Amino acid sequence: MLLFDRLFGKRDILIPYFDFSKVLRGNMESFILKEIYRLRYEVYCLECAYLEAKDFDEGLETDEFDDCSIHFAAYTLDRNIVGTVRLVMPPEGQDYPFQGHCKVFDDFTFPAHAQAGEISRLVVRKTFRRRRGDSMEGISKDFVEKGTTASIKPPAASHDKRGNSPLLLLGMYREMYRHSRANGIRFWYAAMERSLARSLEKMGFKFLPIGPQVDYYGPVTPHMVDLNDLNDRLQKDNKFLAAWFNDEPIPIWVMIRTLAGNVLVKRTKRKQ
């Protein structure tokens, strides 16, 4: 049933196991936002101990950038939150979060403030990175070692909601991408570890370092990506992924291959 929901547009063809929600700036009383804060508290305070649990009331991790951020949340089909990320867009004259901890290269020129946002507070619940070798962002070791942008396609058949592609992370990034393209945001900043930057490059997001490495929740480097360059790269490396990111019609051959692949796999299993 899920396969047909995917093929006929009732479920996402690439990420059928998750739903996504968005909380706009200023909507600080949102129930979704409280779920996001609880998940951040669970990971940042209890699991990783990056932050002191005693500093936050009612198990909700918040900071001064939340009210100028667009928040994105990923849910299972039964509405359990499993991931979140935010795009921080401070008003003119206010720094981005990374600027409080990182320096930029002397020759780096900041783009227009209104055209940029910072990716921040990326969290994936521990139960969705259960495989040995999974990164904190839910990226499997198999994808890190063997994956490429071109390899990200609809699975022929899978009962594993994690698979070997970073689908949960991809879904959250697509939500940020679509919001950014619709609202004049062209550039993303992110302070991240080298391993995450490499994984994102395999997904098509080639972030470029804009400053030296610092110790900020571990060794991180400030990066930036131009979404125009991202789109050009996706169009070249994976036209399906480019269409999926830009909310364009998926080619019919992709639909047919998905259906045929599932039928073939099921028949093979029955004969075994």
C-alpha atoms as a PDB file:
ATOM      1  CA  MET A   1       0.000   0.000   0.000  1.00  0.00           C
ATOM      2  CA  LEU A   2       2.827   2.389   0.852  1.00  0.00           C
ATOM      3  CA  LEU A   3       4.391   1.788  -2.554  1.00  0.00           C
ATOM      4  CA  PHE A   4       1.212   2.829  -4.376  1.00  0.00           C
ATOM      5  CA  ASP A   5       0.866   5.861  -2.109  1.00  0.00           C
ATOM      6  CA  ARG A   6       4.351   6.859  -3.249  1.00  0.00           C
ATOM      7  CA  LEU A   7       3.704   6.257  -6.928  1.00  0.00           C
ATOM      8  CA  PHE A   8       0.452   8.203  -6.952  1.00  0.00           C
ATOM      9  CA  GLY A   9       1.673  11.145  -4.890  1.00  0.00           C
ATOM     10  CA  LYS A  10       0.083  10.392  -1.519  1.00  0.00           C
ATOM     11  CA  ARG A  11       3.490   9.742   0.060  1.00  0.00           C
ATOM     12  CA  ASP A  12       6.857  11.175  -0.880  1.00  0.00           C
ATOM     13  CA  ILE A  13       8.580   8.902  -3.402  1.00  0.00           C
ATOM     14  CA  LEU A  14      12.029   9.235  -1.791  1.00  0.00           C
ATOM     15  CA  ILE A  15      11.136   9.667   1.895  1.00  0.00           C
ATOM     16  CA  PRO A  16       7.779   7.941   2.452  1.00  0.00           C
ATOM     17  CA  TYR A  17       8.394   7.169   6.121  1.00  0.00           C
ATOM     18  CA  PHE A  18       8.586  10.737   7.409  1.00  0.00           C
ATOM     19  CA  ASP A  19       6.501  13.902   7.574  1.00  0.00           C
ATOM     20  CA  PHE A  20       7.895  17.390   8.083  1.00  0.00           C
ATOM     21  CA  SER A  21       6.647  20.496   9.853  1.00  0.00           C
ATOM     22  CA  LYS A  22       7.822  24.102   9.897  1.00  0.00           C
ATOM     23  CA  VAL A  23       7.510  26.796  12.560  1.00  0.00           C
ATOM     24  CA  LEU A  24       7.876  30.361  11.347  1.00  0.00           C
ATOM     25  CA  ARG A  25       9.654  33.139  13.218  1.00  0.00           C
ATOM     26  CA  GLY A  26       7.746  34.646  16.102  1.00  0.00           C
ATOM     27  CA  ASN A  27       5.416  31.671  16.650  1.00  0.00           C
ATOM     28  CA  MET A  28       7.003  30.916  20.014  1.00  0.00           C
ATOM     29  CA  GLU A  29       3.932  29.243  21.530  1.00  0.00           C
ATOM     30  CA  SER A  30       3.813  26.499  18.916  1.00  0.00           C
ATOM     31  CA  PHE A  31       3.297  22.958  20.236  1.00  0.00           C
ATOM     32  CA  ILE A  32       5.717  21.725  17.579  1.00  0.00           C
ATOM     33  CA  LEU A  33       8.350  24.113  18.903  1.00  0.00           C
ATOM     34  CA  LYS A  34       8.053  22.627  22.388  1.00  0.00           C
ATOM     35  CA  GLU A  35       8.604  19.151  20.923  1.00  0.00           C
ATOM     36  CA  ILE A  36      11.684  20.496  19.155  1.00  0.00           C
ATOM     37  CA  TYR A  37      13.030  21.963  22.392  1.00  0.00           C
ATOM     38  CA  ARG A  38      12.481  18.654  24.211  1.00  0.00           C
ATOM     39  CA  LEU A  39      14.376  16.722  21.530  1.00  0.00           C
ATOM     40  CA  ARG A  40      17.244  19.205  21.650  1.00  0.00           C
ATOM     41  CA  TYR A  41      17.349  18.871  25.443  1.00  0.00           C
ATOM     42  CA  GLU A  42      17.407  15.076  25.125  1.00  0.00           C
ATOM     43  CA  VAL A  43      20.397  15.129  22.748  1.00  0.00           C
ATOM     44  CA  TYR A  44      22.404  18.201  23.780  1.00  0.00           C
ATOM     45  CA  CYS A  45      21.911  17.960  27.548  1.00  0.00           C
ATOM     46  CA  LEU A  46      21.237  14.325  28.454  1.00  0.00           C
ATOM     47  CA  GLU A  47      22.936  12.295  25.722  1.00  0.00           C
ATOM     48  CA  CYS A  48      25.934  14.392  24.695  1.00  0.00           C
ATOM     49  CA  ALA A  49      26.236  16.723  27.721  1.00  0.00           C
ATOM     50  CA  TYR A  50      27.165  19.644  25.470  1.00  0.00           C
ATOM     51  CA  LEU A  51      24.961  21.835  27.657  1.00  0.00           C
ATOM     52  CA  GLU A  52      24.131  21.732  31.367  1.00  0.00           C
ATOM     53  CA  ALA A  53      20.684  20.206  31.949  1.00  0.00           C
ATOM     54  CA  LYS A  54      20.208  22.340  35.078  1.00  0.00           C
ATOM     55  CA  ASP A  55      20.280  25.499  32.957  1.00  0.00           C
ATOM     56  CA  PHE A  56      16.950  24.683  31.280  1.00  0.00           C
ATOM     57  CA  ASP A  57      13.461  24.549  32.762  1.00  0.00           C
ATOM     58  CA  GLU A  58      10.978  21.736  32.080  1.00  0.00           C
ATOM     59  CA  GLY A  59      13.413  19.828  29.876  1.00  0.00           C
ATOM     60  CA  LEU A  60      13.304  22.414  27.070  1.00  0.00           C
ATOM     61  CA  GLU A  61      16.604  23.519  25.478  1.00  0.00           C
ATOM     62  CA  THR A  62      16.316  27.069  24.123  1.00  0.00           C
ATOM     63  CA  ASP A  63      18.563  30.016  23.353  1.00  0.00           C
ATOM     64  CA  GLU A  64      18.432  33.639  22.242  1.00  0.00           C
ATOM     65  CA  PHE A  65      18.372  32.728  18.521  1.00  0.00           C
ATOM     66  CA  ASP A  66      15.156  30.696  18.586  1.00  0.00           C
ATOM     67  CA  ASP A  67      12.850  33.651  18.089  1.00  0.00           C
ATOM     68  CA  CYS A  68      14.650  34.730  14.891  1.00  0.00           C
ATOM     69  CA  SER A  69      14.779  31.227  13.403  1.00  0.00           C
ATOM     70  CA  ILE A  70      12.661  29.088  11.130  1.00  0.00           C
ATOM     71  CA  HIS A  71      12.405  25.669  12.800  1.00  0.00           C
ATOM     72  CA  PHE A  72      11.969  22.394  10.939  1.00  0.00           C
ATOM     73  CA  ALA A  73      10.942  19.062  12.464  1.00  0.00           C
ATOM     74  CA  ALA A  74      10.843  15.518  11.091  1.00  0.00           C
ATOM     75  CA  TYR A  75       8.210  13.050  12.321  1.00  0.00           C
ATOM     76  CA  THR A  76       7.498   9.372  11.859  1.00  0.00           C
ATOM     77  CA  LEU A  77       4.129   8.531  10.341  1.00  0.00           C
ATOM     78  CA  ASP A  78       2.732   8.018  13.843  1.00  0.00           C
ATOM     79  CA  ARG A  79       3.826  11.577  14.744  1.00  0.00           C
ATOM     80  CA  ASN A  80       6.883  10.912  16.889  1.00  0.00           C
ATOM     81  CA  ILE A  81       9.493  13.617  16.420  1.00  0.00           C
ATOM     82  CA  VAL A  82      12.841  12.173  15.309  1.00  0.00           C
ATOM     83  CA  GLY A  83      14.816  15.121  13.963  1.00  0.00           C
ATOM     84  CA  THR A  84      15.032  18.887  13.915  1.00  0.00           C
ATOM     85  CA  VAL A  85      17.105  21.734  12.529  1.00  0.00           C
ATOM     86  CA  ARG A  86      16.705  25.500  12.404  1.00  0.00           C
ATOM     87  CA  LEU A  87      17.658  28.252   9.969  1.00  0.00           C
ATOM     88  CA  VAL A  88      18.740  31.308  11.951  1.00  0.00           C
ATOM     89  CA  MET A  89      18.019  34.651  10.286  1.00  0.00           C
ATOM     90  CA  PRO A  90      18.887  37.418  12.755  1.00  0.00           C
ATOM     91  CA  PRO A  91      17.851  40.992  12.018  1.00  0.00           C
ATOM     92  CA  GLU A  92      20.279  43.408  10.393  1.00  0.00           C
ATOM     93  CA  GLY A  93      23.052  44.345  12.788  1.00  0.00           C
ATOM     94  CA  GLN A  94      22.839  41.129  14.845  1.00  0.00           C
ATOM     95  CA  ASP A  95      25.482  38.412  14.449  1.00  0.00           C
ATOM     96  CA  TYR A  96      24.839  34.826  13.424  1.00  0.00           C
ATOM     97  CA  PRO A  97      25.448  32.143  16.088  1.00  0.00           C
ATOM     98  CA  PHE A  98      28.729  30.981  14.526  1.00  0.00           C
ATOM     99  CA  GLN A  99      30.206  34.482  14.786  1.00  0.00           C
ATOM    100  CA  GLY A 100      30.230  34.219  18.572  1.00  0.00           C
ATOM    101  CA  HIS A 101      32.648  31.287  18.391  1.00  0.00           C
ATOM    102  CA  CYS A 102      34.369  31.317  14.972  1.00  0.00           C
ATOM    103  CA  LYS A 103      36.518  33.707  12.989  1.00  0.00           C
ATOM    104  CA  VAL A 104      36.440  34.060   9.217  1.00  0.00           C
ATOM    105  CA  PHE A 105      39.357  34.333   6.816  1.00  0.00           C
ATOM    106  CA  ASP A 106      40.612  37.867   6.201  1.00  0.00           C
ATOM    107  CA  ASP A 107      39.637  37.722   2.529  1.00  0.00           C
ATOM    108  CA  PHE A 108      36.097  36.450   3.155  1.00  0.00           C
ATOM    109  CA  THR A 109      33.293  38.833   2.182  1.00  0.00           C
ATOM    110  CA  PHE A 110      29.914  38.360   3.836  1.00  0.00           C
ATOM    111  CA  PRO A 111      26.948  38.305   1.435  1.00  0.00           C
ATOM    112  CA  ALA A 112      23.972  40.595   2.029  1.00  0.00           C
ATOM    113  CA  HIS A 113      22.554  39.893   5.471  1.00  0.00           C
ATOM    114  CA  ALA A 114      19.007  39.459   4.150  1.00  0.00           C
ATOM    115  CA  GLN A 115      20.163  36.756   1.725  1.00  0.00           C
ATOM    116  CA  ALA A 116      21.760  34.431   4.287  1.00  0.00           C
ATOM    117  CA  GLY A 117      20.814  32.141   7.150  1.00  0.00           C
ATOM    118  CA  GLU A 118      22.718  29.814   9.438  1.00  0.00           C
ATOM    119  CA  ILE A 119      21.953  26.112   9.832  1.00  0.00           C
ATOM    120  CA  SER A 120      21.963  25.367  13.531  1.00  0.00           C
ATOM    121  CA  ARG A 121      20.832  22.887  16.201  1.00  0.00           C
ATOM    122  CA  LEU A 122      20.773  19.891  13.854  1.00  0.00           C
ATOM    123  CA  VAL A 123      19.543  16.940  15.923  1.00  0.00           C
ATOM    124  CA  VAL A 124      18.537  13.356  15.090  1.00  0.00           C
ATOM    125  CA  ARG A 125      17.029  11.157  17.797  1.00  0.00           C
ATOM    126  CA  LYS A 126      19.289   8.326  18.925  1.00  0.00           C
ATOM    127  CA  THR A 127      16.807   5.605  17.934  1.00  0.00           C
ATOM    128  CA  PHE A 128      17.190   6.680  14.281  1.00  0.00           C
ATOM    129  CA  ARG A 129      20.967   6.277  14.261  1.00  0.00           C
ATOM    130  CA  ARG A 130      21.099   2.813  15.780  1.00  0.00           C
ATOM    131  CA  ARG A 131      23.486   1.146  13.386  1.00  0.00           C
ATOM    132  CA  ARG A 132      27.097   0.852  14.428  1.00  0.00           C
ATOM    133  CA  GLY A 133      28.976   3.644  12.704  1.00  0.00           C
ATOM    134  CA  ASP A 134      25.955   5.922  12.197  1.00  0.00           C
ATOM    135  CA  SER A 135      26.915   9.573  12.653  1.00  0.00           C
ATOM    136  CA  MET A 136      25.179  11.908  15.106  1.00  0.00           C
ATOM    137  CA  GLU A 137      23.183  13.223  12.145  1.00  0.00           C
ATOM    138  CA  GLY A 138      21.887   9.742  11.242  1.00  0.00           C
ATOM    139  CA  ILE A 139      24.173   9.170   8.247  1.00  0.00           C
ATOM    140  CA  SER A 140      25.096   5.517   7.899  1.00  0.00           C
ATOM    141  CA  LYS A 141      28.690   4.342   7.660  1.00  0.00           C
ATOM    142  CA  ASP A 142      27.807   2.620   4.383  1.00  0.00           C
ATOM    143  CA  PHE A 143      26.736   5.917   2.794  1.00  0.00           C
ATOM    144  CA  VAL A 144      29.780   7.767   4.141  1.00  0.00           C
ATOM    145  CA  GLU A 145      32.076   5.158   2.579  1.00  0.00           C
ATOM    146  CA  LYS A 146      30.235   4.375  -0.674  1.00  0.00           C
ATOM    147  CA  GLY A 147      27.510   6.946  -1.252  1.00  0.00           C
ATOM    148  CA  THR A 148      27.467   9.666  -3.903  1.00  0.00           C
ATOM    149  CA  THR A 149      25.019  12.333  -4.999  1.00  0.00           C
ATOM    150  CA  ALA A 150      24.230  10.236  -8.067  1.00  0.00           C
ATOM    151  CA  SER A 151      23.420   7.186  -5.917  1.00  0.00           C
ATOM    152  CA  ILE A 152      20.523   8.850  -4.060  1.00  0.00           C
ATOM    153  CA  LYS A 153      17.440   7.443  -5.802  1.00  0.00           C
ATOM    154  CA  PRO A 154      14.093   5.957  -4.792  1.00  0.00           C
ATOM    155  CA  PRO A 155      14.762   2.515  -3.268  1.00  0.00           C
ATOM    156  CA  ALA A 156      13.346  -0.407  -5.241  1.00  0.00           C
ATOM    157  CA  ALA A 157      12.123  -2.058  -2.063  1.00  0.00           C
ATOM    158  CA  SER A 158      13.034  -1.647   1.567  1.00  0.00           C
ATOM    159  CA  HIS A 159      11.512  -2.394   4.937  1.00  0.00           C
ATOM    160  CA  ASP A 160      14.322  -0.511   6.689  1.00  0.00           C
ATOM    161  CA  LYS A 161      13.273   3.067   7.299  1.00  0.00           C
ATOM    162  CA  ARG A 162      16.884   4.173   7.562  1.00  0.00           C
ATOM    163  CA  GLY A 163      18.425   2.419   4.556  1.00  0.00           C
ATOM    164  CA  ASN A 164      21.923   3.395   3.428  1.00  0.00           C
ATOM    165  CA  SER A 165      21.024   6.909   2.289  1.00  0.00           C
ATOM    166  CA  PRO A 166      20.706   9.857   4.693  1.00  0.00           C
ATOM    167  CA  LEU A 167      17.008  10.255   3.924  1.00  0.00           C
ATOM    168  CA  LEU A 168      15.962  11.835   7.219  1.00  0.00           C
ATOM    169  CA  LEU A 169      18.692  14.457   6.956  1.00  0.00           C
ATOM    170  CA  LEU A 170      17.931  14.988   3.268  1.00  0.00           C
ATOM    171  CA  GLY A 171      14.292  15.611   4.079  1.00  0.00           C
ATOM    172  CA  MET A 172      15.097  18.319   6.612  1.00  0.00           C
ATOM    173  CA  TYR A 173      17.567  19.956   4.242  1.00  0.00           C
ATOM    174  CA  ARG A 174      14.993  19.916   1.460  1.00  0.00           C
ATOM    175  CA  GLU A 175      12.500  21.702   3.719  1.00  0.00           C
ATOM    176  CA  MET A 176      15.106  24.377   4.468  1.00  0.00           C
ATOM    177  CA  TYR A 177      16.047  24.608   0.795  1.00  0.00           C
ATOM    178  CA  ARG A 178      12.473  25.112  -0.385  1.00  0.00           C
ATOM    179  CA  HIS A 179      11.807  27.732   2.287  1.00  0.00           C
ATOM    180  CA  SER A 180      15.032  29.528   1.399  1.00  0.00           C
ATOM    181  CA  ARG A 181      14.353  29.590  -2.347  1.00  0.00           C
ATOM    182  CA  ALA A 182      10.848  30.904  -1.749  1.00  0.00           C
ATOM    183  CA  ASN A 183      12.046  33.672   0.581  1.00  0.00           C
ATOM    184  CA  GLY A 184      15.137  35.084  -1.089  1.00  0.00           C
ATOM    185  CA  ILE A 185      17.721  33.176   0.970  1.00  0.00           C
ATOM    186  CA  ARG A 186      20.676  32.258  -1.247  1.00  0.00           C
ATOM    187  CA  PHE A 187      23.470  31.457   1.223  1.00  0.00           C
ATOM    188  CA  TRP A 188      23.697  29.118   4.204  1.00  0.00           C
ATOM    189  CA  TYR A 189      26.311  29.235   6.938  1.00  0.00           C
ATOM    190  CA  ALA A 190      27.102  26.224   9.127  1.00  0.00           C
ATOM    191  CA  ALA A 191      29.732  25.537  11.781  1.00  0.00           C
ATOM    192  CA  MET A 192      30.379  21.801  11.504  1.00  0.00           C
ATOM    193  CA  GLU A 193      32.873  19.004  11.810  1.00  0.00           C
ATOM    194  CA  ARG A 194      34.859  17.862   8.800  1.00  0.00           C
ATOM    195  CA  SER A 195      33.055  14.494   8.688  1.00  0.00           C
ATOM    196  CA  LEU A 196      29.634  16.137   8.348  1.00  0.00           C
ATOM    197  CA  ALA A 197      30.916  18.497   5.650  1.00  0.00           C
ATOM    198  CA  ARG A 198      32.215  15.491   3.673  1.00  0.00           C
ATOM    199  CA  SER A 199      28.914  13.646   4.059  1.00  0.00           C
ATOM    200  CA  LEU A 200      26.922  16.673   2.920  1.00  0.00           C
ATOM    201  CA  GLU A 201      29.151  17.013  -0.131  1.00  0.00           C
ATOM    202  CA  LYS A 202      28.229  13.428  -1.058  1.00  0.00           C
ATOM    203  CA  MET A 203      24.583  14.536  -0.859  1.00  0.00           C
ATOM    204  CA  GLY A 204      25.233  17.473  -3.214  1.00  0.00           C
ATOM    205  CA  PHE A 205      25.775  20.182  -0.585  1.00  0.00           C
ATOM    206  CA  LYS A 206      29.344  21.377  -1.140  1.00  0.00           C
ATOM    207  CA  PHE A 207      29.949  23.721   1.777  1.00  0.00           C
ATOM    208  CA  LEU A 208      33.183  25.735   1.521  1.00  0.00           C
ATOM    209  CA  PRO A 209      35.289  26.633   4.584  1.00  0.00           C
ATOM    210  CA  ILE A 210      35.216  30.367   5.359  1.00  0.00           C
ATOM    211  CA  GLY A 211      37.393  30.338   8.475  1.00  0.00           C
ATOM    212  CA  PRO A 212      39.796  28.272  10.603  1.00  0.00           C
ATOM    213  CA  GLN A 213      38.808  25.333  12.809  1.00  0.00           C
ATOM    214  CA  VAL A 214      37.858  26.073  16.418  1.00  0.00           C
ATOM    215  CA  ASP A 215      36.709  24.048  19.422  1.00  0.00           C
ATOM    216  CA  TYR A 216      32.940  24.566  19.687  1.00  0.00           C
ATOM    217  CA  TYR A 217      31.058  21.439  20.826  1.00  0.00           C
ATOM    218  CA  GLY A 218      34.083  19.667  19.357  1.00  0.00           C
ATOM    219  CA  PRO A 219      36.342  20.694  16.451  1.00  0.00           C
ATOM    220  CA  VAL A 220      34.257  22.639  13.931  1.00  0.00           C
ATOM    221  CA  THR A 221      34.941  24.883  10.962  1.00  0.00           C
ATOM    222  CA  PRO A 222      32.643  27.662   9.679  1.00  0.00           C
ATOM    223  CA  HIS A 223      31.349  26.912   6.184  1.00  0.00           C
ATOM    224  CA  MET A 224      29.066  28.491   3.592  1.00  0.00           C
ATOM    225  CA  VAL A 225      27.153  27.158   0.577  1.00  0.00           C
ATOM    226  CA  ASP A 226      25.613  29.092  -2.309  1.00  0.00           C
ATOM    227  CA  LEU A 227      22.206  27.548  -3.098  1.00  0.00           C
ATOM    228  CA  ASN A 228      22.539  28.579  -6.745  1.00  0.00           C
ATOM    229  CA  ASP A 229      25.698  26.474  -6.977  1.00  0.00           C
ATOM    230  CA  LEU A 230      23.924  23.654  -5.141  1.00  0.00           C
ATOM    231  CA  ASN A 231      21.092  23.604  -7.664  1.00  0.00           C
ATOM    232  CA  ASP A 232      23.515  23.653 -10.606  1.00  0.00           C
ATOM    233  CA  ARG A 233      25.410  20.721  -9.112  1.00  0.00           C
ATOM    234  CA  LEU A 234      22.253  18.684  -8.505  1.00  0.00           C
ATOM    235  CA  GLN A 235      21.092  19.312 -12.077  1.00  0.00           C
ATOM    236  CA  LYS A 236      24.400  17.893 -13.295  1.00  0.00           C
ATOM    237  CA  ASP A 237      24.862  14.964 -10.876  1.00  0.00           C
ATOM    238  CA  ASN A 238      21.319  13.742 -10.168  1.00  0.00           C
ATOM    239  CA  LYS A 239      18.384  15.153 -12.108  1.00  0.00           C
ATOM    240  CA  PHE A 240      15.913  13.172 -10.005  1.00  0.00           C
ATOM    241  CA  LEU A 241      17.281  14.733  -6.803  1.00  0.00           C
ATOM    242  CA  ALA A 242      17.250  18.188  -8.405  1.00  0.00           C
ATOM    243  CA  ALA A 243      13.565  17.803  -9.332  1.00  0.00           C
ATOM    244  CA  TRP A 244      12.771  16.442  -5.860  1.00  0.00           C
ATOM    245  CA  PHE A 245      14.486  19.358  -4.104  1.00  0.00           C
ATOM    246  CA  ASN A 246      12.820  21.958  -6.322  1.00  0.00           C
ATOM    247  CA  ASP A 247       9.335  20.414  -6.013  1.00  0.00           C
ATOM    248  CA  GLU A 248       9.217  19.721  -9.745  1.00  0.00           C
ATOM    249  CA  PRO A 249       7.410  16.759 -11.379  1.00  0.00           C
ATOM    250  CA  ILE A 250       9.353  13.506 -11.027  1.00  0.00           C
ATOM    251  CA  PRO A 251       9.993  11.857 -14.425  1.00  0.00           C
ATOM    252  CA  ILE A 252       7.612   8.990 -15.171  1.00  0.00           C
ATOM    253  CA  TRP A 253      10.502   6.580 -15.754  1.00  0.00           C
ATOM    254  CA  VAL A 254      11.442   6.920 -12.096  1.00  0.00           C
ATOM    255  CA  MET A 255       7.918   5.918 -11.083  1.00  0.00           C
ATOM    256  CA  ILE A 256       7.936   2.906 -13.432  1.00  0.00           C
ATOM    257  CA  ARG A 257      11.370   1.733 -12.272  1.00  0.00           C
ATOM    258  CA  THR A 258      10.303   1.959  -8.632  1.00  0.00           C
ATOM    259  CA  LEU A 259       7.174  -0.135  -9.233  1.00  0.00           C
ATOM    260  CA  ALA A 260       8.991  -2.692 -11.389  1.00  0.00           C
ATOM    261  CA  GLY A 261      11.837  -3.000  -8.886  1.00  0.00           C
ATOM    262  CA  ASN A 262       9.477  -3.681  -5.996  1.00  0.00           C
ATOM    263  CA  VAL A 263       7.527  -6.311  -7.912  1.00  0.00           C
ATOM    264  CA  LEU A 264      10.730  -8.067  -9.012  1.00  0.00           C
ATOM    265  CA  VAL A 265      12.172  -8.119  -5.494  1.00  0.00           C
ATOM    266  CA  LYS A 266       8.943  -9.496  -4.013  1.00  0.00           C
ATOM    267  CA  ARG A 267       8.769 -12.280  -6.618  1.00  0.00           C
ATOM    268  CA  THR A 268      12.406 -13.194  -6.019  1.00  0.00           C
ATOM    269  CA  LYS A 269      11.819 -13.469  -2.261  1.00  0.00           C
ATOM    270  CA  ARG A 270       8.797 -15.714  -2.764  1.00  0.00           C
ATOM    271  CA  LYS A 271      10.814 -18.146  -4.863  1.00  0.00           C
ATOM    272  CA  GLN A 272      13.602 -18.395  -2.268  1.00  0.00           C
END
